[in-house]
Amino acid sequence: MGLLKVKRNLVQRQLNTLGEIPWEVTFPIDIKLSPRQSIRILDVFSQSKNRYICARAELNGEDPIIAMVFFGHGAKSAFEQHILALDCLQAGNVRLPLIRKIVFEDCLIAAMDIPSTMEIIRESRAFVTLSLDARRGIVLSILKVLGAMHRSGIGNYDLGIAGFLSARGNLDFIPVQPLNRFSQKGGVPSNIAMKNLAQVLAQLPPDFDRELPVLCSVYAASAGVGSPPVDQVRKWCLRYRSKFVHRRLKKVERSSREYAVSHTLRRTTIVSRGHMGVLAGLLNDPDSYLSAGTPLKLGTANTVVTLDLEGRRYAIKRYNLKNWRFFFSRLLKSSRPLKAWRGIHAFLFFGVPTAEPIALIRERWGPFYFRAWMVTDYIEAPHFGVYFSKSLNLSALPEKEAEMLEGFFRRMTAARLSHGDLKCTNLLWNENRGPVSIDMDAARYHGNNRRSFQRKWLKDRRRFLLNWAKTPLYQWLDRSLPPEELN
């Protein structure tokens, strides 16, 4: 009896670890579920502490499956709800893999068979980096599945792009979060349906808001209902988009799949897990690496250098303390490097090009922070002053450059992002991506605070135009940029 209890506790600990901190686990991990049966977890798609994990796995060494593993308090009820929901989806002509129900003493598994030749694509991880057309295609496909789910009375209280997997082949998007059946007669309550729809649409860039009537009609055709009110969907989209951004900005300051975070009395470090090995020495002694780099800027407030490590070029920025007065003036304010870290991630969330953030090191003594170092990818590109030096006498930019520049500012304003210092040297020009913003110390996401964004946008616009004040391009840029007063 004692050995059985020890075994059950071990299984529960393993599942709890996967449900809470899967990034601390070295995959694959083997879990012995019974004397004759075991499951090998290859990767975790989604998870919730003490509730469930959805993973790519192998059961008893057989072909890979998608396993929704329920455990902990309420596991039986959640498992039954999920199985019932999947059965309803299949009855509603949603194409899913073969579903198997596997019950153990420690957990319950809803297993979906996946042929070994089929490639599973985790759309949510790289969704922001995809092209607009690719994102549109993904969301259109998900809206059709979502409509079929709602038509069958199936939904979820918190559903988005991360709630689906795409499998190449003759299958629809596969839900990888627990599902609920809200109605036995078919149809989901209108408030749940509206929220689910807005949660999916909110993960599209704001550029797509003008396509909401078309997207809503695609969903309505699949759900077999009238098209929902576009104004109401737009309102919910804004609310959820702000929620998703703030959730993302909190996530990049704590340990996750993407970043490892450590706190000591003297230092706080955030580093991308993919770069931990390369940057191990730099994280321990950033100043020695800074002195070995090629200087880009040697200022009193900031020092910026570039450094080549194992074939990759990084930019390292040190935030200096100019003097004790400067230190005390910022003692009770949010730190510049942390604001820049958040600003970079907000820009990337909306697909506005900037340098990829890799590490942030903050020197501290208890609650008081001193110097800091930020490591980003180095972008080899000329700044605006150099790139457009030959265009200063033109009355308008060439079509390609004009389209890229207008798109950059359109995305910024639609997402309510401000940069804070749009001088020429803080904007690089990449031939493929167009404008790339750097020096993000004052960058900010304004969310639903329209008044704050309007004030900052006016400052950004005037500062950018000041770069061209005495050139023929000024009038064209003034007409081409979004207006001073935004809706």
Protein backbone atom coordinates (compact mmCIF):
# COMPACT_ATOMS: atom_id res chain seq x y z
CA MET A 1 0.00 0.00 0.00
CA GLY A 2 2.89 2.32 0.88
CA LEU A 3 4.64 1.71 -2.46
CA LEU A 4 1.41 2.37 -4.36
CA LYS A 5 0.98 5.70 -2.54
CA VAL A 6 4.59 6.68 -3.32
CA LYS A 7 4.06 5.82 -7.02
CA ARG A 8 0.85 7.86 -7.19
CA ASN A 9 2.54 10.83 -5.52
CA LEU A 10 5.41 10.62 -8.04
CA VAL A 11 2.99 10.63 -11.00
CA GLN A 12 1.10 13.58 -9.55
CA ARG A 13 4.35 15.50 -8.98
CA GLN A 14 5.46 14.87 -12.57
CA LEU A 15 2.10 15.99 -13.97
CA ASN A 16 2.00 19.04 -11.69
CA THR A 17 5.48 20.05 -12.87
CA LEU A 18 4.40 19.77 -16.51
CA GLY A 19 1.24 21.75 -15.73
CA GLU A 20 3.08 24.53 -13.92
CA ILE A 21 6.64 24.88 -15.24
CA PRO A 22 7.12 22.69 -18.35
CA TRP A 23 10.14 24.77 -19.40
CA GLU A 24 12.05 23.34 -16.41
CA VAL A 25 11.60 19.81 -17.77
CA THR A 26 14.03 18.09 -20.12
CA PHE A 27 12.02 16.37 -22.84
CA PRO A 28 11.23 13.59 -23.47
CA ILE A 29 9.96 12.62 -20.01
CA ASP A 30 8.59 9.15 -19.19
CA ILE A 31 5.69 8.76 -16.76
CA LYS A 32 4.77 5.27 -15.48
CA LEU A 33 0.96 5.24 -15.27
CA SER A 34 0.51 1.54 -14.39
CA PRO A 35 2.70 -1.59 -14.19
CA ARG A 36 2.19 -2.21 -17.92
CA GLN A 37 1.50 1.24 -19.34
CA SER A 38 3.54 4.42 -19.59
CA ILE A 39 3.40 7.67 -21.49
CA ARG A 40 6.36 9.52 -22.96
CA ILE A 41 5.77 13.30 -23.13
CA LEU A 42 7.63 14.77 -26.13
CA ASP A 43 6.42 18.38 -25.93
CA VAL A 44 3.73 20.40 -24.15
CA PHE A 45 1.39 22.60 -26.24
CA SER A 46 -0.71 24.09 -23.44
CA GLN A 47 -1.07 23.54 -19.72
CA SER A 48 -2.77 24.70 -16.54
CA LYS A 49 -1.54 24.21 -12.99
CA ASN A 50 -3.18 21.26 -11.20
CA ARG A 51 -5.68 20.84 -14.08
CA TYR A 52 -4.41 19.55 -17.41
CA ILE A 53 -1.65 19.39 -19.98
CA CYS A 54 -2.00 19.03 -23.74
CA ALA A 55 1.08 17.35 -25.15
CA ARG A 56 2.55 15.50 -28.08
CA ALA A 57 3.22 12.09 -26.60
CA GLU A 58 3.79 8.38 -27.19
CA LEU A 59 1.66 5.86 -25.30
CA ASN A 60 3.44 2.55 -24.66
CA GLY A 61 5.99 3.32 -27.40
CA GLU A 62 3.34 3.55 -30.14
CA ASP A 63 2.93 6.27 -32.79
CA PRO A 64 2.73 9.89 -31.55
CA ILE A 65 -0.61 11.16 -30.27
CA ILE A 66 -2.00 14.46 -29.04
CA ALA A 67 -2.79 13.70 -25.40
CA MET A 68 -5.08 15.89 -23.30
CA VAL A 69 -4.16 14.70 -19.80
CA PHE A 70 -6.53 15.69 -16.97
CA PHE A 71 -5.39 15.34 -13.36
CA GLY A 72 -5.92 16.84 -9.93
CA HIS A 73 -9.18 18.04 -8.41
CA GLY A 74 -12.12 17.97 -10.82
CA ALA A 75 -10.24 15.93 -13.43
CA LYS A 76 -13.10 13.47 -14.02
CA SER A 77 -15.69 16.19 -14.66
CA ALA A 78 -13.36 18.17 -16.99
CA PHE A 79 -12.44 14.99 -18.86
CA GLU A 80 -16.09 14.00 -19.42
CA GLN A 81 -16.95 17.54 -20.59
CA HIS A 82 -14.04 17.53 -23.04
CA ILE A 83 -14.88 14.09 -24.49
CA LEU A 84 -18.53 15.04 -24.87
CA ALA A 85 -17.52 18.27 -26.62
CA LEU A 86 -15.22 16.42 -29.06
CA ASP A 87 -17.99 13.92 -29.85
CA CYS A 88 -20.35 16.81 -30.60
CA LEU A 89 -17.74 18.41 -32.88
CA GLN A 90 -17.37 15.21 -34.87
CA ALA A 91 -21.15 14.92 -35.11
CA GLY A 92 -21.13 18.51 -36.44
CA ASN A 93 -18.78 17.52 -39.30
CA VAL A 94 -15.61 19.05 -37.82
CA ARG A 95 -12.76 16.87 -39.08
CA LEU A 96 -10.77 15.55 -36.10
CA PRO A 97 -8.40 12.60 -35.65
CA LEU A 98 -9.58 9.35 -34.10
CA ILE A 99 -10.27 9.96 -30.40
CA ARG A 100 -9.53 7.40 -27.67
CA LYS A 101 -10.50 7.56 -23.99
CA ILE A 102 -7.86 6.20 -21.61
CA VAL A 103 -8.58 6.11 -17.87
CA PHE A 104 -5.91 5.60 -15.20
CA GLU A 105 -6.02 5.91 -11.44
CA ASP A 106 -3.89 9.08 -11.47
CA CYS A 107 -5.18 10.77 -14.60
CA LEU A 108 -7.59 10.62 -17.51
CA ILE A 109 -6.38 10.98 -21.10
CA ALA A 110 -8.26 12.06 -24.21
CA ALA A 111 -5.93 10.82 -26.95
CA MET A 112 -6.16 11.89 -30.60
CA ASP A 113 -4.26 9.69 -33.03
CA ILE A 114 -1.92 11.55 -35.36
CA PRO A 115 -0.19 9.70 -38.23
CA SER A 116 3.57 9.84 -37.79
CA THR A 117 3.93 11.31 -41.30
CA MET A 118 1.79 14.32 -40.39
CA GLU A 119 3.56 17.49 -39.29
CA ILE A 120 2.00 19.29 -36.33
CA ILE A 121 2.28 23.07 -36.60
CA ARG A 122 2.13 25.13 -33.44
CA GLU A 123 0.66 28.31 -34.90
CA SER A 124 0.42 30.31 -31.68
CA ARG A 125 4.17 30.33 -30.98
CA ALA A 126 5.18 32.19 -34.12
CA PHE A 127 1.83 33.71 -35.04
CA VAL A 128 3.04 37.31 -34.68
CA THR A 129 5.99 36.71 -37.02
CA LEU A 130 3.86 35.36 -39.88
CA SER A 131 2.91 37.46 -42.89
CA LEU A 132 -0.47 39.19 -42.88
CA ASP A 133 -1.80 36.83 -45.57
CA ALA A 134 -0.70 33.79 -43.55
CA ARG A 135 -2.37 35.17 -40.43
CA ARG A 136 -5.54 35.89 -42.37
CA GLY A 137 -5.64 32.31 -43.67
CA ILE A 138 -5.15 30.87 -40.19
CA VAL A 139 -7.86 33.02 -38.65
CA LEU A 140 -10.34 32.28 -41.46
CA SER A 141 -9.81 28.55 -40.89
CA ILE A 142 -10.19 28.93 -37.13
CA LEU A 143 -13.36 31.01 -37.54
CA LYS A 144 -14.94 28.18 -39.55
CA VAL A 145 -14.08 25.67 -36.81
CA LEU A 146 -15.22 28.12 -34.13
CA GLY A 147 -18.55 28.57 -35.90
CA ALA A 148 -19.01 24.79 -36.10
CA MET A 149 -18.14 24.51 -32.38
CA HIS A 150 -20.74 27.11 -31.43
CA ARG A 151 -23.33 25.50 -33.69
CA SER A 152 -22.80 22.27 -31.73
CA GLY A 153 -23.06 24.06 -28.36
CA ILE A 154 -19.28 23.87 -27.70
CA GLY A 155 -17.17 26.77 -26.42
CA ASN A 156 -14.57 27.87 -23.89
CA TYR A 157 -14.37 30.78 -21.46
CA ASP A 158 -10.88 31.76 -22.62
CA LEU A 159 -10.18 30.82 -26.23
CA GLY A 160 -7.75 32.26 -28.75
CA ILE A 161 -5.18 31.37 -31.39
CA ALA A 162 -3.24 29.42 -28.74
CA GLY A 163 -6.27 27.17 -28.29
CA PHE A 164 -5.79 25.47 -31.68
CA LEU A 165 -3.24 23.36 -33.50
CA SER A 166 -3.03 23.00 -37.24
CA ALA A 167 -2.22 19.65 -38.80
CA ARG A 168 -1.23 19.43 -42.45
CA GLY A 169 -3.58 17.08 -44.16
CA ASN A 170 -7.32 16.57 -44.42
CA LEU A 171 -8.02 17.87 -40.89
CA ASP A 172 -9.38 21.08 -39.38
CA PHE A 173 -7.71 23.02 -36.60
CA ILE A 174 -7.51 20.86 -33.47
CA PRO A 175 -8.53 22.36 -30.10
CA VAL A 176 -5.80 21.95 -27.45
CA GLN A 177 -7.61 23.49 -24.48
CA PRO A 178 -10.42 21.88 -22.44
CA LEU A 179 -13.80 22.42 -24.09
CA ASN A 180 -17.22 22.90 -22.49
CA ARG A 181 -20.63 21.90 -23.77
CA PHE A 182 -22.95 24.80 -22.99
CA SER A 183 -26.14 23.47 -24.56
CA GLN A 184 -27.58 20.06 -25.38
CA LYS A 185 -29.94 21.55 -27.97
CA GLY A 186 -27.15 23.21 -29.95
CA GLY A 187 -25.92 26.77 -29.92
CA VAL A 188 -23.74 28.62 -27.42
CA PRO A 189 -25.06 31.51 -25.28
CA SER A 190 -24.63 34.74 -27.25
CA ASN A 191 -22.32 36.32 -24.65
CA ILE A 192 -19.93 33.33 -24.71
CA ALA A 193 -20.04 33.20 -28.52
CA MET A 194 -19.27 36.93 -28.77
CA LYS A 195 -16.33 36.62 -26.36
CA ASN A 196 -14.86 33.58 -28.14
CA LEU A 197 -15.13 35.37 -31.49
CA ALA A 198 -13.52 38.53 -30.14
CA GLN A 199 -10.73 36.54 -28.45
CA VAL A 200 -9.73 35.04 -31.79
CA LEU A 201 -10.06 38.26 -33.79
CA ALA A 202 -8.18 40.30 -31.18
CA GLN A 203 -5.01 38.37 -32.02
CA LEU A 204 -5.00 39.77 -35.54
CA PRO A 205 -3.12 43.04 -36.09
CA PRO A 206 -5.31 46.16 -35.79
CA ASP A 207 -4.90 46.56 -39.58
CA PHE A 208 -7.53 43.82 -39.91
CA ASP A 209 -10.17 45.72 -37.96
CA ARG A 210 -11.44 47.15 -41.23
CA GLU A 211 -12.11 43.56 -42.38
CA LEU A 212 -14.31 42.73 -39.39
CA PRO A 213 -17.55 42.65 -41.45
CA VAL A 214 -16.06 39.94 -43.73
CA LEU A 215 -14.57 37.96 -40.82
CA CYS A 216 -17.83 38.11 -38.88
CA SER A 217 -19.77 36.86 -41.91
CA VAL A 218 -17.37 33.88 -42.30
CA TYR A 219 -17.98 32.95 -38.67
CA ALA A 220 -21.76 33.47 -38.95
CA ALA A 221 -22.00 31.25 -42.06
CA SER A 222 -20.25 28.41 -40.21
CA ALA A 223 -22.22 28.92 -36.99
CA GLY A 224 -25.55 29.07 -38.82
CA VAL A 225 -26.52 32.36 -37.17
CA GLY A 226 -26.94 35.95 -38.25
CA SER A 227 -23.78 38.05 -38.51
CA PRO A 228 -22.97 39.56 -35.07
CA PRO A 229 -23.02 43.39 -34.71
CA VAL A 230 -19.67 44.60 -36.01
CA ASP A 231 -19.50 47.57 -33.59
CA GLN A 232 -19.99 45.25 -30.64
CA VAL A 233 -17.36 42.81 -31.93
CA ARG A 234 -14.94 45.72 -32.42
CA LYS A 235 -15.52 46.88 -28.85
CA TRP A 236 -14.79 43.41 -27.47
CA CYS A 237 -11.74 43.08 -29.75
CA LEU A 238 -10.20 46.27 -28.32
CA ARG A 239 -10.83 45.03 -24.81
CA TYR A 240 -9.26 41.62 -25.41
CA ARG A 241 -6.37 43.00 -27.44
CA SER A 242 -5.39 45.24 -24.54
CA LYS A 243 -5.73 42.27 -22.19
CA PHE A 244 -3.52 40.06 -24.40
CA VAL A 245 -0.81 42.74 -24.69
CA HIS A 246 -0.67 43.35 -20.94
CA ARG A 247 -0.62 39.59 -20.35
CA ARG A 248 2.30 39.33 -22.78
CA LEU A 249 4.21 42.20 -21.14
CA LYS A 250 3.87 40.55 -17.74
CA LYS A 251 4.93 37.20 -19.16
CA VAL A 252 8.25 38.50 -20.55
CA GLU A 253 9.28 39.52 -17.01
CA ARG A 254 8.89 36.05 -15.50
CA SER A 255 10.16 32.55 -16.23
CA SER A 256 8.40 30.95 -19.19
CA ARG A 257 9.11 28.79 -22.23
CA GLU A 258 10.76 31.80 -23.82
CA TYR A 259 12.73 33.44 -21.01
CA ALA A 260 14.63 32.33 -17.91
CA VAL A 261 14.42 34.82 -15.04
CA SER A 262 16.60 34.85 -11.91
CA HIS A 263 16.49 37.19 -8.91
CA THR A 264 19.24 37.70 -6.34
CA LEU A 265 19.89 40.42 -3.80
CA ARG A 266 22.34 42.10 -6.21
CA ARG A 267 20.94 41.33 -9.66
CA THR A 268 17.85 40.54 -11.72
CA THR A 269 18.44 38.75 -15.03
CA ILE A 270 16.06 37.94 -17.89
CA VAL A 271 17.52 35.94 -20.78
CA SER A 272 16.15 34.11 -23.81
CA ARG A 273 16.47 30.37 -23.23
CA GLY A 274 17.82 29.88 -26.74
CA HIS A 275 20.80 32.16 -25.97
CA MET A 276 21.66 31.10 -22.41
CA GLY A 277 24.68 29.03 -23.43
CA VAL A 278 26.18 31.66 -25.74
CA LEU A 279 25.63 34.50 -23.26
CA ALA A 280 26.66 32.64 -20.07
CA GLY A 281 29.89 34.61 -19.68
CA LEU A 282 28.29 37.94 -20.55
CA LEU A 283 25.52 37.42 -17.97
CA ASN A 284 28.13 36.93 -15.24
CA ASP A 285 30.38 39.86 -16.20
CA PRO A 286 28.70 42.19 -18.72
CA ASP A 287 31.23 45.01 -18.36
CA SER A 288 34.17 42.88 -19.54
CA TYR A 289 32.24 41.95 -22.70
CA LEU A 290 31.18 45.58 -23.14
CA SER A 291 34.81 46.74 -23.11
CA ALA A 292 35.67 44.09 -25.74
CA GLY A 293 32.95 45.23 -28.15
CA THR A 294 33.00 47.73 -31.02
CA PRO A 295 31.66 51.10 -29.75
CA LEU A 296 28.58 52.59 -31.41
CA LYS A 297 27.77 55.22 -28.79
CA LEU A 298 29.77 56.40 -25.77
CA GLY A 299 27.40 58.74 -23.95
CA THR A 300 26.98 59.73 -20.33
CA ALA A 301 23.51 58.17 -20.08
CA ASN A 302 24.11 55.14 -22.35
CA THR A 303 26.99 53.10 -23.74
CA VAL A 304 26.28 50.98 -26.82
CA VAL A 305 28.62 48.43 -28.44
CA THR A 306 28.36 45.52 -30.86
CA LEU A 307 29.89 42.13 -30.17
CA ASP A 308 30.30 38.92 -32.18
CA LEU A 309 29.67 35.71 -30.21
CA GLU A 310 29.72 32.29 -31.91
CA GLY A 311 28.92 33.71 -35.33
CA ARG A 312 26.08 35.98 -34.23
CA ARG A 313 26.29 39.73 -33.75
CA TYR A 314 24.68 41.32 -30.70
CA ALA A 315 24.12 44.91 -29.60
CA ILE A 316 24.81 45.58 -25.91
CA LYS A 317 23.49 48.73 -24.27
CA ARG A 318 24.53 49.78 -20.78
CA TYR A 319 22.34 52.23 -18.89
CA ASN A 320 24.76 54.40 -16.93
CA LEU A 321 24.27 56.46 -13.78
CA LYS A 322 25.47 59.92 -14.82
CA ASN A 323 25.70 61.20 -11.26
CA TRP A 324 24.11 60.80 -7.83
CA ARG A 325 21.48 63.42 -8.59
CA PHE A 326 20.47 61.43 -11.65
CA PHE A 327 20.33 58.25 -9.54
CA PHE A 328 18.11 59.75 -6.83
CA SER A 329 15.81 61.41 -9.40
CA ARG A 330 15.02 57.97 -10.85
CA LEU A 331 15.05 55.97 -7.64
CA LEU A 332 11.26 55.86 -7.27
CA LYS A 333 10.46 55.71 -11.01
CA SER A 334 10.02 52.67 -13.22
CA SER A 335 13.46 51.89 -14.65
CA ARG A 336 14.40 52.98 -18.19
CA PRO A 337 15.65 49.51 -19.23
CA LEU A 338 12.47 47.80 -18.02
CA LYS A 339 10.33 50.33 -19.92
CA ALA A 340 12.43 49.67 -23.03
CA TRP A 341 12.06 45.88 -22.56
CA ARG A 342 8.29 46.23 -22.37
CA GLY A 343 8.19 48.68 -25.27
CA ILE A 344 10.15 46.35 -27.56
CA HIS A 345 7.81 43.46 -26.79
CA ALA A 346 4.73 45.63 -27.36
CA PHE A 347 6.06 46.65 -30.80
CA LEU A 348 6.84 43.03 -31.69
CA PHE A 349 3.41 41.86 -30.50
CA PHE A 350 1.82 44.05 -33.17
CA GLY A 351 4.39 43.21 -35.84
CA VAL A 352 6.09 46.63 -35.81
CA PRO A 353 9.78 45.92 -36.64
CA THR A 354 12.40 46.45 -33.94
CA ALA A 355 15.47 44.59 -32.69
CA GLU A 356 14.82 41.19 -31.07
CA PRO A 357 15.28 41.42 -27.27
CA ILE A 358 17.60 38.75 -25.90
CA ALA A 359 18.63 39.62 -22.34
CA LEU A 360 18.15 42.24 -19.64
CA ILE A 361 20.48 42.47 -16.63
CA ARG A 362 19.61 44.89 -13.84
CA GLU A 363 22.08 45.69 -11.05
CA ARG A 364 20.33 46.15 -7.72
CA TRP A 365 20.62 46.33 -3.97
CA GLY A 366 17.39 45.06 -2.51
CA PRO A 367 14.57 47.23 -3.95
CA PHE A 368 16.95 49.86 -5.41
CA TYR A 369 18.19 49.45 -8.97
CA PHE A 370 21.41 50.94 -10.36
CA ARG A 371 22.96 50.21 -13.76
CA ALA A 372 21.50 47.85 -16.34
CA TRP A 373 22.53 46.07 -19.55
CA MET A 374 20.26 45.12 -22.43
CA VAL A 375 21.27 42.67 -25.16
CA THR A 376 19.45 42.66 -28.51
CA ASP A 377 20.10 41.40 -32.00
CA TYR A 378 22.29 43.78 -33.98
CA ILE A 379 20.59 45.04 -37.14
CA GLU A 380 22.99 45.82 -39.95
CA ALA A 381 21.20 48.70 -41.68
CA PRO A 382 21.69 52.46 -42.29
CA HIS A 383 19.68 54.92 -40.26
CA PHE A 384 17.17 57.20 -42.00
CA GLY A 385 19.57 60.14 -42.25
CA VAL A 386 22.02 58.06 -44.30
CA TYR A 387 19.53 56.03 -46.34
CA PHE A 388 17.41 59.01 -47.44
CA SER A 389 20.29 61.46 -47.94
CA LYS A 390 19.93 61.03 -51.74
CA SER A 391 16.17 61.58 -51.60
CA LEU A 392 16.16 64.91 -49.78
CA ASN A 393 15.54 66.91 -52.96
CA LEU A 394 12.69 64.70 -54.15
CA SER A 395 9.11 65.87 -53.83
CA ALA A 396 8.00 62.32 -52.86
CA LEU A 397 9.56 58.99 -51.96
CA PRO A 398 9.66 56.12 -54.48
CA GLU A 399 6.60 53.86 -54.36
CA LYS A 400 8.23 50.95 -52.50
CA GLU A 401 9.75 53.13 -49.77
CA ALA A 402 6.56 55.19 -49.50
CA GLU A 403 4.40 52.10 -49.01
CA MET A 404 6.71 50.66 -46.34
CA LEU A 405 6.94 53.96 -44.45
CA GLU A 406 3.18 54.52 -44.52
CA GLY A 407 2.58 50.92 -43.39
CA PHE A 408 4.99 51.37 -40.46
CA PHE A 409 3.18 54.42 -39.11
CA ARG A 410 -0.24 52.96 -39.86
CA ARG A 411 0.55 49.90 -37.73
CA MET A 412 1.94 52.07 -34.93
CA THR A 413 -1.10 54.31 -34.74
CA ALA A 414 -3.63 51.49 -35.18
CA ALA A 415 -2.01 49.63 -32.26
CA ARG A 416 -1.70 52.84 -30.18
CA LEU A 417 2.06 52.55 -29.85
CA SER A 418 4.34 55.52 -29.31
CA HIS A 419 8.13 55.62 -29.69
CA GLY A 420 8.98 58.80 -27.81
CA ASP A 421 12.04 59.91 -29.81
CA LEU A 422 11.65 59.52 -33.59
CA LYS A 423 14.83 61.22 -34.74
CA CYS A 424 16.65 59.94 -37.83
CA THR A 425 19.24 57.93 -35.93
CA ASN A 426 16.56 55.96 -34.06
CA LEU A 427 15.03 54.60 -37.26
CA LEU A 428 16.93 52.12 -39.45
CA TRP A 429 15.99 51.16 -42.99
CA ASN A 430 16.01 47.48 -43.87
CA GLU A 431 15.56 46.67 -47.57
CA ASN A 432 13.11 43.84 -46.84
CA ARG A 433 11.31 45.08 -43.74
CA GLY A 434 11.39 48.83 -44.25
CA PRO A 435 11.64 51.02 -41.10
CA VAL A 436 13.02 49.37 -37.95
CA SER A 437 12.82 51.30 -34.68
CA ILE A 438 15.65 51.25 -32.14
CA ASP A 439 16.43 53.09 -28.87
CA MET A 440 13.12 52.11 -27.28
CA ASP A 441 13.62 53.70 -23.86
CA ALA A 442 10.48 55.85 -24.18
CA ALA A 443 8.38 53.39 -26.24
CA ARG A 444 4.98 52.65 -24.80
CA TYR A 445 1.73 50.80 -25.45
CA HIS A 446 -1.25 52.99 -24.54
CA GLY A 447 -4.02 50.40 -24.75
CA ASN A 448 -7.44 51.94 -24.19
CA ASN A 449 -6.02 55.28 -23.02
CA ARG A 450 -6.84 57.25 -26.16
CA ARG A 451 -5.99 60.65 -24.66
CA SER A 452 -2.50 59.56 -23.58
CA PHE A 453 -1.81 58.04 -27.00
CA GLN A 454 -3.07 61.14 -28.85
CA ARG A 455 -0.64 63.35 -26.90
CA LYS A 456 2.33 61.03 -27.53
CA TRP A 457 1.47 60.53 -31.21
CA LEU A 458 1.45 64.31 -31.74
CA LYS A 459 4.95 64.45 -30.21
CA ASP A 460 6.19 61.50 -32.33
CA ARG A 461 4.78 62.98 -35.53
CA ARG A 462 6.28 66.42 -34.99
CA ARG A 463 9.67 64.97 -34.01
CA PHE A 464 9.77 62.79 -37.13
CA LEU A 465 8.83 65.67 -39.44
CA LEU A 466 11.48 67.87 -37.80
CA ASN A 467 14.10 65.61 -39.44
CA TRP A 468 12.95 66.89 -42.85
CA ALA A 469 11.92 70.44 -41.98
CA LYS A 470 14.14 72.15 -44.57
CA THR A 471 13.71 69.67 -47.41
CA PRO A 472 11.16 69.31 -50.24
CA LEU A 473 10.12 65.97 -48.70
CA TYR A 474 8.55 67.72 -45.72
CA GLN A 475 5.24 68.53 -47.44
CA TRP A 476 4.85 65.03 -48.86
CA LEU A 477 5.59 63.40 -45.49
CA ASP A 478 3.16 65.73 -43.74
CA ARG A 479 0.41 64.59 -46.13
CA SER A 480 1.38 60.88 -46.05
CA LEU A 481 1.63 60.33 -42.30
CA PRO A 482 -1.51 59.62 -40.26
CA PRO A 483 -3.14 62.95 -39.26
CA GLU A 484 -2.42 64.74 -36.00
CA GLU A 485 -5.92 64.08 -34.70
CA LEU A 486 -6.74 60.37 -34.79
CA ASN A 487 -10.14 58.74 -34.35
